[in-house]
Amino acid sequence: MTCRMFSVLLLIFVVSGLCSAQVYSGDKAYYAEAAGMAGGMITFGNYNSKVRNSPVYTISGAYIRNEQIMYELNVNTLFSTITYKSYNGFSDTTTKYSQTYVMFGIVKSFRIENPDLVPYFSTTFGFISRSVQVANVSAQTQLAVGLQGGLKYFIKDNFGIKVQARLQSSLNGLGIGVGVGTGGPSVGLGSYSNAIQLDFSGGIFYRI
């Protein structure tokens, strides 16, 4: 899936969310929702490098506009390792790696027969900050886009559990290429900037 497709989906979903005029119709009006989730990240590397699949942790806060629309800010992070493949006869190089996505999205919820189960979908836009543990190399920050969807189960009116799948990627062509000296090959920090990442997570949410 190209970044152009991500951008088109983001635009369509933003417009549909802003144009929504439905009124929240619950027994009690809740204005905000907070959630915490944990799961596993699957990374699709490119030819030059591969981030090791790792646990991913997410916290989010959202303003509830109505029963169908929320404006959400989520922060998700992981700590892992990255392996750069052999170059000009040198061995593969592995070093510590970390990343944090800060993403904004409009969350669209859908009604089904069971009122306690709420499917949802969102497109997101924000940025990713990444770093490798290599001397004289600073963190890299890029714009990013994503898609996420899942299912909420309300245990109480304002509390429940949720499961979610999410795709995220930095935007092409906006990386900072930095030469990295590791005593062996010269590695471009931007060489993994186009990798798409998939994670599956579960957690709890609470409304106020």
N, C-alpha and C. Protein backbone atom coordinates (compact mmCIF):
# COMPACT_ATOMS: atom_id res chain seq x y z
N MET A 1 0.85 -1.19 0.00
CA MET A 1 0.00 0.00 0.00
C MET A 1 0.88 1.23 0.00
N THR A 2 0.70 2.08 -0.95
CA THR A 2 1.56 3.24 -1.09
C THR A 2 1.13 4.34 -0.15
N CYS A 3 2.04 5.30 0.06
CA CYS A 3 1.73 6.43 0.91
C CYS A 3 0.67 7.32 0.28
N ARG A 4 0.60 7.34 -1.06
CA ARG A 4 -0.45 8.11 -1.73
C ARG A 4 -1.82 7.56 -1.36
N MET A 5 -1.95 6.22 -1.31
CA MET A 5 -3.22 5.62 -0.91
C MET A 5 -3.55 5.96 0.53
N PHE A 6 -2.53 5.93 1.42
CA PHE A 6 -2.75 6.32 2.80
C PHE A 6 -3.30 7.74 2.87
N SER A 7 -2.70 8.65 2.10
CA SER A 7 -3.09 10.05 2.14
C SER A 7 -4.52 10.25 1.65
N VAL A 8 -4.91 9.54 0.59
CA VAL A 8 -6.28 9.64 0.08
C VAL A 8 -7.28 9.15 1.11
N LEU A 9 -6.99 8.00 1.73
CA LEU A 9 -7.88 7.46 2.75
C LEU A 9 -8.00 8.41 3.93
N LEU A 10 -6.88 9.02 4.31
CA LEU A 10 -6.89 9.97 5.42
C LEU A 10 -7.79 11.15 5.10
N LEU A 11 -7.66 11.71 3.90
CA LEU A 11 -8.47 12.85 3.50
C LEU A 11 -9.95 12.52 3.50
N ILE A 12 -10.31 11.35 2.93
CA ILE A 12 -11.72 10.95 2.89
C ILE A 12 -12.30 10.81 4.29
N PHE A 13 -11.53 10.20 5.18
CA PHE A 13 -12.06 9.94 6.53
C PHE A 13 -12.15 11.22 7.35
N VAL A 14 -11.19 12.14 7.17
CA VAL A 14 -11.25 13.42 7.87
C VAL A 14 -12.49 14.19 7.46
N VAL A 15 -12.75 14.24 6.15
CA VAL A 15 -13.92 14.97 5.64
C VAL A 15 -15.21 14.36 6.17
N SER A 16 -15.30 13.03 6.15
CA SER A 16 -16.52 12.38 6.63
C SER A 16 -16.73 12.62 8.12
N GLY A 17 -15.62 12.66 8.89
CA GLY A 17 -15.76 12.91 10.32
C GLY A 17 -16.20 14.33 10.62
N LEU A 18 -15.60 15.30 9.91
CA LEU A 18 -15.94 16.70 10.15
C LEU A 18 -17.37 17.02 9.73
N CYS A 19 -17.89 16.27 8.75
CA CYS A 19 -19.23 16.54 8.25
C CYS A 19 -20.31 15.82 9.06
N SER A 20 -19.91 14.97 9.99
CA SER A 20 -20.91 14.23 10.76
C SER A 20 -21.72 15.18 11.64
N ALA A 21 -23.04 14.99 11.63
CA ALA A 21 -23.91 15.88 12.40
C ALA A 21 -24.77 15.09 13.38
N GLN A 22 -24.42 13.81 13.61
CA GLN A 22 -25.22 13.00 14.51
C GLN A 22 -24.97 13.42 15.96
N VAL A 23 -25.99 13.28 16.81
CA VAL A 23 -25.91 13.71 18.20
C VAL A 23 -25.71 12.48 19.08
N TYR A 24 -24.82 12.59 20.06
CA TYR A 24 -24.60 11.50 21.00
C TYR A 24 -25.90 11.19 21.73
N SER A 25 -26.29 9.90 21.75
CA SER A 25 -27.61 9.54 22.26
C SER A 25 -27.56 8.56 23.42
N GLY A 26 -26.43 8.44 24.08
CA GLY A 26 -26.34 7.53 25.20
C GLY A 26 -27.11 8.02 26.41
N ASP A 27 -27.29 7.14 27.42
CA ASP A 27 -27.99 7.51 28.64
C ASP A 27 -27.23 8.60 29.40
N LYS A 28 -25.93 8.60 29.26
CA LYS A 28 -25.10 9.61 29.89
C LYS A 28 -24.06 10.08 28.89
N ALA A 29 -23.82 11.38 28.86
CA ALA A 29 -22.84 11.92 27.92
C ALA A 29 -21.44 11.80 28.50
N TYR A 30 -20.56 11.12 27.78
CA TYR A 30 -19.15 11.05 28.14
C TYR A 30 -18.36 11.90 27.15
N TYR A 31 -17.34 12.59 27.66
CA TYR A 31 -16.65 13.57 26.84
C TYR A 31 -15.22 13.16 26.46
N ALA A 32 -14.67 12.19 27.15
CA ALA A 32 -13.29 11.80 26.87
C ALA A 32 -13.11 10.31 27.12
N GLU A 33 -12.14 9.74 26.43
CA GLU A 33 -11.81 8.32 26.59
C GLU A 33 -10.31 8.14 26.63
N ALA A 34 -9.82 7.38 27.59
CA ALA A 34 -8.40 7.05 27.70
C ALA A 34 -8.25 5.54 27.58
N ALA A 35 -7.12 5.11 27.00
CA ALA A 35 -6.90 3.68 26.81
C ALA A 35 -5.42 3.35 26.94
N GLY A 36 -5.15 2.13 27.36
CA GLY A 36 -3.79 1.59 27.40
C GLY A 36 -3.79 0.21 26.79
N MET A 37 -2.81 -0.06 25.91
CA MET A 37 -2.78 -1.33 25.20
C MET A 37 -1.35 -1.85 25.10
N ALA A 38 -1.23 -3.16 24.93
CA ALA A 38 0.06 -3.79 24.67
C ALA A 38 -0.15 -4.90 23.65
N GLY A 39 0.87 -5.14 22.85
CA GLY A 39 0.75 -6.17 21.82
C GLY A 39 2.08 -6.48 21.17
N GLY A 40 2.01 -7.03 19.98
CA GLY A 40 3.21 -7.42 19.26
C GLY A 40 3.31 -6.71 17.92
N MET A 41 4.51 -6.29 17.56
CA MET A 41 4.77 -5.59 16.31
C MET A 41 5.43 -6.53 15.31
N ILE A 42 4.91 -6.53 14.09
CA ILE A 42 5.51 -7.27 12.98
C ILE A 42 6.04 -6.24 11.99
N THR A 43 7.33 -6.25 11.72
CA THR A 43 7.92 -5.26 10.83
C THR A 43 8.29 -5.91 9.51
N PHE A 44 7.99 -5.20 8.43
CA PHE A 44 8.35 -5.65 7.09
C PHE A 44 9.53 -4.82 6.63
N GLY A 45 10.72 -5.37 6.71
CA GLY A 45 11.93 -4.62 6.39
C GLY A 45 12.15 -4.52 4.90
N ASN A 46 13.16 -3.75 4.52
CA ASN A 46 13.55 -3.68 3.12
C ASN A 46 14.81 -4.51 2.89
N TYR A 47 15.43 -4.32 1.77
CA TYR A 47 16.58 -5.16 1.41
C TYR A 47 17.75 -4.95 2.35
N ASN A 48 17.91 -3.73 2.85
CA ASN A 48 19.12 -3.39 3.60
C ASN A 48 19.04 -3.69 5.09
N SER A 49 17.85 -3.69 5.66
CA SER A 49 17.76 -3.77 7.11
C SER A 49 16.44 -4.39 7.55
N LYS A 50 16.41 -4.83 8.81
CA LYS A 50 15.21 -5.47 9.37
C LYS A 50 15.16 -5.19 10.86
N VAL A 51 14.02 -4.62 11.31
CA VAL A 51 13.77 -4.42 12.73
C VAL A 51 13.20 -5.71 13.31
N ARG A 52 13.74 -6.14 14.42
CA ARG A 52 13.25 -7.36 15.05
C ARG A 52 11.84 -7.16 15.60
N ASN A 53 10.96 -8.13 15.35
CA ASN A 53 9.59 -8.08 15.89
C ASN A 53 9.63 -7.97 17.41
N SER A 54 8.86 -7.04 17.97
CA SER A 54 8.97 -6.73 19.39
C SER A 54 7.62 -6.33 19.97
N PRO A 55 7.51 -6.34 21.31
CA PRO A 55 6.29 -5.81 21.95
C PRO A 55 6.14 -4.32 21.66
N VAL A 56 4.91 -3.87 21.52
CA VAL A 56 4.61 -2.45 21.31
C VAL A 56 3.60 -2.02 22.36
N TYR A 57 3.79 -0.81 22.88
CA TYR A 57 2.95 -0.30 23.96
C TYR A 57 2.28 1.00 23.50
N THR A 58 0.99 1.14 23.80
CA THR A 58 0.21 2.28 23.30
C THR A 58 -0.60 2.90 24.43
N ILE A 59 -0.60 4.23 24.48
CA ILE A 59 -1.53 4.97 25.31
C ILE A 59 -2.25 5.96 24.41
N SER A 60 -3.50 6.25 24.72
CA SER A 60 -4.26 7.16 23.87
C SER A 60 -5.26 7.94 24.70
N GLY A 61 -5.59 9.11 24.18
CA GLY A 61 -6.64 9.95 24.75
C GLY A 61 -7.50 10.49 23.64
N ALA A 62 -8.80 10.58 23.85
CA ALA A 62 -9.70 10.99 22.78
C ALA A 62 -10.80 11.90 23.31
N TYR A 63 -11.21 12.84 22.48
CA TYR A 63 -12.39 13.67 22.73
C TYR A 63 -13.56 13.02 22.01
N ILE A 64 -14.64 12.76 22.74
CA ILE A 64 -15.82 12.10 22.17
C ILE A 64 -16.76 13.18 21.64
N ARG A 65 -16.84 13.28 20.32
CA ARG A 65 -17.75 14.27 19.73
C ARG A 65 -19.19 13.79 19.79
N ASN A 66 -19.42 12.55 19.44
CA ASN A 66 -20.74 11.95 19.52
C ASN A 66 -20.58 10.44 19.52
N GLU A 67 -21.68 9.72 19.39
CA GLU A 67 -21.65 8.27 19.52
C GLU A 67 -20.81 7.60 18.42
N GLN A 68 -20.66 8.26 17.30
CA GLN A 68 -19.95 7.65 16.18
C GLN A 68 -18.54 8.21 15.95
N ILE A 69 -18.24 9.40 16.44
CA ILE A 69 -16.98 10.07 16.09
C ILE A 69 -16.19 10.46 17.33
N MET A 70 -14.89 10.12 17.33
CA MET A 70 -13.96 10.59 18.35
C MET A 70 -12.72 11.15 17.67
N TYR A 71 -12.09 12.14 18.30
CA TYR A 71 -10.81 12.67 17.85
C TYR A 71 -9.74 12.16 18.81
N GLU A 72 -8.83 11.35 18.31
CA GLU A 72 -7.91 10.61 19.17
C GLU A 72 -6.46 10.96 18.91
N LEU A 73 -5.69 11.07 19.99
CA LEU A 73 -4.24 11.18 19.93
C LEU A 73 -3.65 9.95 20.59
N ASN A 74 -2.82 9.19 19.86
CA ASN A 74 -2.21 8.00 20.45
C ASN A 74 -0.69 8.05 20.30
N VAL A 75 -0.03 7.50 21.30
CA VAL A 75 1.43 7.39 21.31
C VAL A 75 1.77 5.92 21.47
N ASN A 76 2.53 5.38 20.54
CA ASN A 76 2.93 3.98 20.65
C ASN A 76 4.43 3.85 20.44
N THR A 77 5.04 2.95 21.20
CA THR A 77 6.49 2.87 21.20
C THR A 77 6.95 1.42 21.31
N LEU A 78 8.17 1.17 20.86
CA LEU A 78 8.79 -0.15 21.04
C LEU A 78 10.29 0.02 21.21
N PHE A 79 10.91 -0.99 21.82
CA PHE A 79 12.35 -1.05 22.00
C PHE A 79 12.80 -2.39 21.45
N SER A 80 13.74 -2.37 20.50
CA SER A 80 14.09 -3.59 19.78
C SER A 80 15.54 -3.52 19.32
N THR A 81 15.85 -4.31 18.30
CA THR A 81 17.15 -4.26 17.62
C THR A 81 16.91 -4.20 16.12
N ILE A 82 17.88 -3.66 15.41
CA ILE A 82 17.82 -3.62 13.96
C ILE A 82 19.09 -4.26 13.41
N THR A 83 18.93 -5.04 12.35
CA THR A 83 20.05 -5.72 11.71
C THR A 83 20.24 -5.18 10.31
N TYR A 84 21.44 -4.65 10.04
CA TYR A 84 21.81 -4.22 8.70
C TYR A 84 22.53 -5.38 8.01
N LYS A 85 22.12 -5.71 6.82
CA LYS A 85 22.67 -6.85 6.11
C LYS A 85 24.11 -6.58 5.66
N SER A 86 24.81 -7.67 5.40
CA SER A 86 26.24 -7.58 5.06
C SER A 86 26.46 -6.68 3.85
N TYR A 87 27.62 -6.04 3.82
CA TYR A 87 27.93 -5.06 2.79
C TYR A 87 29.42 -5.16 2.44
N ASN A 88 29.71 -5.40 1.18
CA ASN A 88 31.11 -5.48 0.70
C ASN A 88 31.96 -6.44 1.53
N GLY A 89 31.38 -7.58 1.84
CA GLY A 89 32.14 -8.60 2.55
C GLY A 89 32.09 -8.51 4.06
N PHE A 90 31.53 -7.45 4.62
CA PHE A 90 31.42 -7.33 6.07
C PHE A 90 30.24 -8.15 6.58
N SER A 91 30.30 -8.53 7.86
CA SER A 91 29.23 -9.30 8.46
C SER A 91 28.02 -8.40 8.73
N ASP A 92 26.86 -9.05 8.96
CA ASP A 92 25.66 -8.30 9.34
C ASP A 92 25.95 -7.50 10.62
N THR A 93 25.35 -6.33 10.72
CA THR A 93 25.53 -5.46 11.87
C THR A 93 24.22 -5.31 12.61
N THR A 94 24.21 -5.61 13.91
CA THR A 94 23.01 -5.49 14.73
C THR A 94 23.25 -4.50 15.85
N THR A 95 22.28 -3.60 16.05
CA THR A 95 22.39 -2.61 17.12
C THR A 95 21.02 -2.36 17.73
N LYS A 96 21.00 -1.72 18.90
CA LYS A 96 19.74 -1.42 19.57
C LYS A 96 18.97 -0.36 18.78
N TYR A 97 17.65 -0.49 18.82
CA TYR A 97 16.77 0.38 18.04
C TYR A 97 15.52 0.70 18.86
N SER A 98 15.04 1.93 18.75
CA SER A 98 13.78 2.31 19.41
C SER A 98 13.01 3.25 18.50
N GLN A 99 11.70 3.28 18.68
CA GLN A 99 10.86 4.16 17.88
C GLN A 99 9.62 4.56 18.66
N THR A 100 9.10 5.74 18.34
CA THR A 100 7.86 6.22 18.94
C THR A 100 7.04 6.92 17.87
N TYR A 101 5.80 6.47 17.69
CA TYR A 101 4.84 7.13 16.83
C TYR A 101 3.95 8.03 17.69
N VAL A 102 3.71 9.26 17.24
CA VAL A 102 2.73 10.16 17.83
C VAL A 102 1.72 10.46 16.72
N MET A 103 0.49 9.97 16.86
CA MET A 103 -0.46 9.97 15.75
C MET A 103 -1.82 10.54 16.17
N PHE A 104 -2.41 11.33 15.28
CA PHE A 104 -3.76 11.87 15.47
C PHE A 104 -4.69 11.21 14.46
N GLY A 105 -5.89 10.88 14.91
CA GLY A 105 -6.85 10.26 14.00
C GLY A 105 -8.28 10.56 14.39
N ILE A 106 -9.19 10.44 13.43
CA ILE A 106 -10.62 10.53 13.67
C ILE A 106 -11.16 9.10 13.68
N VAL A 107 -11.70 8.67 14.81
CA VAL A 107 -12.15 7.30 15.00
C VAL A 107 -13.64 7.22 14.69
N LYS A 108 -14.00 6.36 13.76
CA LYS A 108 -15.39 6.14 13.37
C LYS A 108 -15.87 4.82 13.97
N SER A 109 -16.95 4.88 14.78
CA SER A 109 -17.54 3.69 15.37
C SER A 109 -18.78 3.28 14.58
N PHE A 110 -19.10 1.98 14.66
CA PHE A 110 -20.22 1.43 13.88
C PHE A 110 -21.17 0.69 14.81
N ARG A 111 -22.47 0.82 14.55
CA ARG A 111 -23.47 0.14 15.35
C ARG A 111 -23.73 -1.26 14.83
N ILE A 112 -23.88 -2.21 15.74
CA ILE A 112 -24.29 -3.56 15.39
C ILE A 112 -25.41 -3.96 16.35
N GLU A 113 -25.95 -5.16 16.19
CA GLU A 113 -27.09 -5.58 17.00
C GLU A 113 -26.78 -5.63 18.49
N ASN A 114 -25.57 -6.07 18.84
CA ASN A 114 -25.18 -6.13 20.25
C ASN A 114 -24.63 -4.76 20.66
N PRO A 115 -25.31 -4.01 21.53
CA PRO A 115 -24.85 -2.66 21.88
C PRO A 115 -23.56 -2.63 22.69
N ASP A 116 -23.19 -3.78 23.27
CA ASP A 116 -21.96 -3.82 24.06
C ASP A 116 -20.71 -4.00 23.19
N LEU A 117 -20.89 -4.40 21.94
CA LEU A 117 -19.78 -4.57 21.01
C LEU A 117 -19.77 -3.42 20.01
N VAL A 118 -18.63 -2.76 19.89
CA VAL A 118 -18.53 -1.59 19.02
C VAL A 118 -17.30 -1.73 18.11
N PRO A 119 -17.49 -2.06 16.83
CA PRO A 119 -16.37 -2.04 15.89
C PRO A 119 -15.99 -0.58 15.59
N TYR A 120 -14.72 -0.36 15.27
CA TYR A 120 -14.27 0.99 14.94
C TYR A 120 -13.14 0.95 13.92
N PHE A 121 -12.94 2.09 13.27
CA PHE A 121 -11.90 2.22 12.25
C PHE A 121 -11.38 3.65 12.26
N SER A 122 -10.09 3.81 11.94
CA SER A 122 -9.50 5.14 11.94
C SER A 122 -8.34 5.21 10.97
N THR A 123 -8.18 6.36 10.32
CA THR A 123 -6.93 6.68 9.63
C THR A 123 -6.20 7.69 10.49
N THR A 124 -4.88 7.63 10.50
CA THR A 124 -4.09 8.47 11.40
C THR A 124 -2.98 9.18 10.64
N PHE A 125 -2.54 10.29 11.21
CA PHE A 125 -1.46 11.08 10.64
C PHE A 125 -0.66 11.69 11.79
N GLY A 126 0.67 11.70 11.65
CA GLY A 126 1.51 12.25 12.70
C GLY A 126 2.97 12.15 12.34
N PHE A 127 3.78 11.71 13.30
CA PHE A 127 5.21 11.57 13.02
C PHE A 127 5.79 10.42 13.82
N ILE A 128 6.94 9.95 13.36
CA ILE A 128 7.68 8.90 14.03
C ILE A 128 9.09 9.40 14.34
N SER A 129 9.56 9.10 15.54
CA SER A 129 10.94 9.40 15.94
C SER A 129 11.65 8.08 16.18
N ARG A 130 12.83 7.90 15.55
CA ARG A 130 13.56 6.64 15.66
C ARG A 130 15.02 6.91 15.98
N SER A 131 15.63 5.97 16.66
CA SER A 131 17.05 6.11 16.98
C SER A 131 17.71 4.74 17.01
N VAL A 132 18.98 4.73 16.66
CA VAL A 132 19.82 3.55 16.77
C VAL A 132 20.97 3.87 17.71
N GLN A 133 21.47 2.86 18.41
CA GLN A 133 22.54 3.08 19.37
C GLN A 133 23.89 3.01 18.66
N VAL A 134 24.21 4.08 17.97
CA VAL A 134 25.46 4.20 17.24
C VAL A 134 26.05 5.58 17.55
N ALA A 135 27.33 5.63 17.79
CA ALA A 135 27.99 6.88 18.17
C ALA A 135 27.80 7.95 17.10
N ASN A 136 27.55 9.17 17.55
CA ASN A 136 27.46 10.36 16.68
C ASN A 136 26.28 10.32 15.71
N VAL A 137 25.26 9.55 16.03
CA VAL A 137 24.05 9.50 15.20
C VAL A 137 22.86 9.93 16.05
N SER A 138 22.18 10.98 15.62
CA SER A 138 21.04 11.50 16.36
C SER A 138 19.75 10.83 15.89
N ALA A 139 18.69 11.04 16.64
CA ALA A 139 17.39 10.46 16.29
C ALA A 139 16.89 11.04 14.98
N GLN A 140 16.10 10.24 14.27
CA GLN A 140 15.51 10.62 12.99
C GLN A 140 14.01 10.79 13.17
N THR A 141 13.46 11.89 12.66
CA THR A 141 12.03 12.15 12.76
C THR A 141 11.44 12.33 11.37
N GLN A 142 10.30 11.66 11.11
CA GLN A 142 9.63 11.72 9.82
C GLN A 142 8.12 11.82 10.02
N LEU A 143 7.43 12.38 9.03
CA LEU A 143 5.98 12.32 9.00
C LEU A 143 5.54 10.88 8.77
N ALA A 144 4.36 10.53 9.29
CA ALA A 144 3.89 9.15 9.21
C ALA A 144 2.38 9.11 9.04
N VAL A 145 1.90 8.00 8.49
CA VAL A 145 0.48 7.76 8.32
C VAL A 145 0.15 6.35 8.76
N GLY A 146 -1.13 6.08 9.01
CA GLY A 146 -1.50 4.75 9.45
C GLY A 146 -2.99 4.47 9.29
N LEU A 147 -3.32 3.19 9.45
CA LEU A 147 -4.69 2.70 9.47
C LEU A 147 -4.85 1.80 10.68
N GLN A 148 -5.97 1.90 11.37
CA GLN A 148 -6.21 1.01 12.50
C GLN A 148 -7.69 0.70 12.62
N GLY A 149 -7.97 -0.49 13.12
CA GLY A 149 -9.35 -0.90 13.32
C GLY A 149 -9.41 -1.96 14.39
N GLY A 150 -10.57 -2.07 15.02
CA GLY A 150 -10.68 -3.06 16.08
C GLY A 150 -12.09 -3.17 16.61
N LEU A 151 -12.18 -3.70 17.82
CA LEU A 151 -13.46 -3.99 18.45
C LEU A 151 -13.39 -3.66 19.93
N LYS A 152 -14.39 -2.92 20.42
CA LYS A 152 -14.50 -2.62 21.85
C LYS A 152 -15.64 -3.45 22.45
N TYR A 153 -15.43 -3.86 23.69
CA TYR A 153 -16.49 -4.55 24.43
C TYR A 153 -16.71 -3.80 25.74
N PHE A 154 -17.92 -3.26 25.92
CA PHE A 154 -18.25 -2.49 27.11
C PHE A 154 -18.66 -3.42 28.24
N ILE A 155 -17.83 -3.49 29.28
CA ILE A 155 -18.17 -4.24 30.49
C ILE A 155 -19.15 -3.43 31.33
N LYS A 156 -18.91 -2.11 31.38
CA LYS A 156 -19.82 -1.16 32.00
C LYS A 156 -20.06 -0.03 31.01
N ASP A 157 -20.90 0.94 31.36
CA ASP A 157 -21.19 2.03 30.45
C ASP A 157 -19.95 2.82 30.06
N ASN A 158 -18.98 2.90 30.97
CA ASN A 158 -17.81 3.73 30.72
C ASN A 158 -16.48 2.98 30.80
N PHE A 159 -16.53 1.65 30.75
CA PHE A 159 -15.31 0.86 30.91
C PHE A 159 -15.41 -0.43 30.10
N GLY A 160 -14.28 -0.84 29.53
CA GLY A 160 -14.30 -2.09 28.77
C GLY A 160 -12.92 -2.49 28.27
N ILE A 161 -12.92 -3.47 27.39
CA ILE A 161 -11.68 -3.96 26.79
C ILE A 161 -11.75 -3.76 25.28
N LYS A 162 -10.58 -3.71 24.66
CA LYS A 162 -10.54 -3.51 23.21
C LYS A 162 -9.39 -4.31 22.60
N VAL A 163 -9.59 -4.74 21.37
CA VAL A 163 -8.54 -5.40 20.59
C VAL A 163 -8.42 -4.64 19.28
N GLN A 164 -7.22 -4.61 18.72
CA GLN A 164 -6.98 -3.73 17.58
C GLN A 164 -5.85 -4.25 16.69
N ALA A 165 -5.98 -4.00 15.40
CA ALA A 165 -4.91 -4.22 14.43
C ALA A 165 -4.56 -2.86 13.83
N ARG A 166 -3.27 -2.65 13.53
CA ARG A 166 -2.84 -1.33 13.06
C ARG A 166 -1.67 -1.47 12.08
N LEU A 167 -1.75 -0.68 10.99
CA LEU A 167 -0.65 -0.54 10.04
C LEU A 167 -0.11 0.88 10.14
N GLN A 168 1.22 1.01 10.17
CA GLN A 168 1.85 2.32 10.25
C GLN A 168 3.09 2.36 9.37
N SER A 169 3.38 3.55 8.84
CA SER A 169 4.58 3.71 8.03
C SER A 169 4.95 5.18 7.96
N SER A 170 6.24 5.45 7.85
CA SER A 170 6.67 6.81 7.58
C SER A 170 6.42 7.15 6.12
N LEU A 171 6.31 8.44 5.82
CA LEU A 171 6.10 8.88 4.45
C LEU A 171 7.40 8.79 3.66
N ASN A 172 7.29 8.39 2.41
CA ASN A 172 8.46 8.24 1.55
C ASN A 172 9.15 9.56 1.30
N GLY A 173 10.46 9.51 1.17
CA GLY A 173 11.23 10.65 0.70
C GLY A 173 11.46 11.74 1.70
N LEU A 174 11.08 11.53 2.99
CA LEU A 174 11.24 12.59 3.96
C LEU A 174 12.26 12.23 5.02
N GLY A 175 13.02 11.19 4.81
CA GLY A 175 14.00 10.75 5.78
C GLY A 175 15.27 11.57 5.72
N ILE A 176 16.07 11.49 6.77
CA ILE A 176 17.37 12.14 6.81
C ILE A 176 18.43 11.07 6.67
N GLY A 177 19.14 11.09 5.57
CA GLY A 177 20.18 10.09 5.35
C GLY A 177 21.44 10.45 6.11
N VAL A 178 21.90 9.56 6.96
CA VAL A 178 23.08 9.84 7.78
C VAL A 178 24.04 8.69 7.66
N GLY A 179 25.30 8.97 7.40
CA GLY A 179 26.31 7.91 7.35
C GLY A 179 26.64 7.45 8.76
N VAL A 180 26.68 6.16 8.96
CA VAL A 180 26.94 5.59 10.28
C VAL A 180 28.20 4.75 10.22
N GLY A 181 29.20 5.11 11.00
CA GLY A 181 30.40 4.31 11.07
C GLY A 181 30.33 3.33 12.21
N THR A 182 30.37 2.05 11.93
CA THR A 182 30.27 1.03 12.98
C THR A 182 31.53 0.17 13.04
N GLY A 183 32.62 0.67 12.46
CA GLY A 183 33.83 -0.13 12.39
C GLY A 183 33.80 -1.09 11.22
N GLY A 184 32.75 -0.99 10.41
CA GLY A 184 32.59 -1.86 9.26
C GLY A 184 31.88 -1.12 8.16
N PRO A 185 30.70 -1.60 7.76
CA PRO A 185 30.00 -0.97 6.64
C PRO A 185 29.46 0.40 7.01
N SER A 186 29.26 1.22 5.99
CA SER A 186 28.61 2.52 6.17
C SER A 186 27.12 2.32 5.98
N VAL A 187 26.34 2.65 7.01
CA VAL A 187 24.91 2.37 7.02
C VAL A 187 24.14 3.67 6.92
N GLY A 188 23.12 3.73 6.04
CA GLY A 188 22.26 4.90 5.95
C GLY A 188 21.11 4.77 6.92
N LEU A 189 21.00 5.71 7.84
CA LEU A 189 19.95 5.64 8.84
C LEU A 189 18.58 5.67 8.20
N GLY A 190 18.44 6.30 7.04
CA GLY A 190 17.16 6.38 6.35
C GLY A 190 16.83 5.15 5.54
N SER A 191 17.67 4.13 5.57
CA SER A 191 17.48 2.98 4.68
C SER A 191 16.27 2.14 5.05
N TYR A 192 15.73 2.29 6.26
CA TYR A 192 14.57 1.52 6.65
C TYR A 192 13.34 2.41 6.78
N SER A 193 13.38 3.61 6.23
CA SER A 193 12.32 4.59 6.45
C SER A 193 11.00 4.20 5.81
N ASN A 194 11.01 3.34 4.78
CA ASN A 194 9.78 3.02 4.08
C ASN A 194 9.13 1.73 4.54
N ALA A 195 9.64 1.11 5.59
CA ALA A 195 9.08 -0.16 6.05
C ALA A 195 7.69 0.04 6.64
N ILE A 196 6.76 -0.84 6.27
CA ILE A 196 5.42 -0.84 6.86
C ILE A 196 5.42 -1.75 8.07
N GLN A 197 4.79 -1.32 9.15
CA GLN A 197 4.76 -2.09 10.37
C GLN A 197 3.31 -2.44 10.74
N LEU A 198 3.11 -3.66 11.19
CA LEU A 198 1.80 -4.17 11.58
C LEU A 198 1.86 -4.61 13.03
N ASP A 199 0.86 -4.20 13.82
CA ASP A 199 0.81 -4.70 15.20
C ASP A 199 -0.61 -5.09 15.57
N PHE A 200 -0.70 -6.05 16.48
CA PHE A 200 -1.96 -6.51 17.05
C PHE A 200 -1.87 -6.29 18.56
N SER A 201 -2.85 -5.57 19.12
CA SER A 201 -2.78 -5.18 20.52
C SER A 201 -4.12 -5.38 21.21
N GLY A 202 -4.07 -5.43 22.52
CA GLY A 202 -5.26 -5.50 23.34
C GLY A 202 -5.05 -4.70 24.60
N GLY A 203 -6.17 -4.24 25.20
CA GLY A 203 -6.04 -3.46 26.42
C GLY A 203 -7.39 -3.04 26.96
N ILE A 204 -7.39 -1.97 27.75
CA ILE A 204 -8.60 -1.48 28.40
C ILE A 204 -8.83 -0.02 28.02
N PHE A 205 -10.08 0.43 28.14
CA PHE A 205 -10.40 1.84 27.94
C PHE A 205 -11.35 2.30 29.03
N TYR A 206 -11.34 3.59 29.26
CA TYR A 206 -12.17 4.17 30.33
C TYR A 206 -12.70 5.51 29.86
N ARG A 207 -13.98 5.80 30.07
CA ARG A 207 -14.60 7.05 29.65
C ARG A 207 -14.97 7.91 30.85
N ILE A 208 -14.86 9.22 30.66
CA ILE A 208 -15.25 10.17 31.71
C ILE A 208 -16.15 11.24 31.09
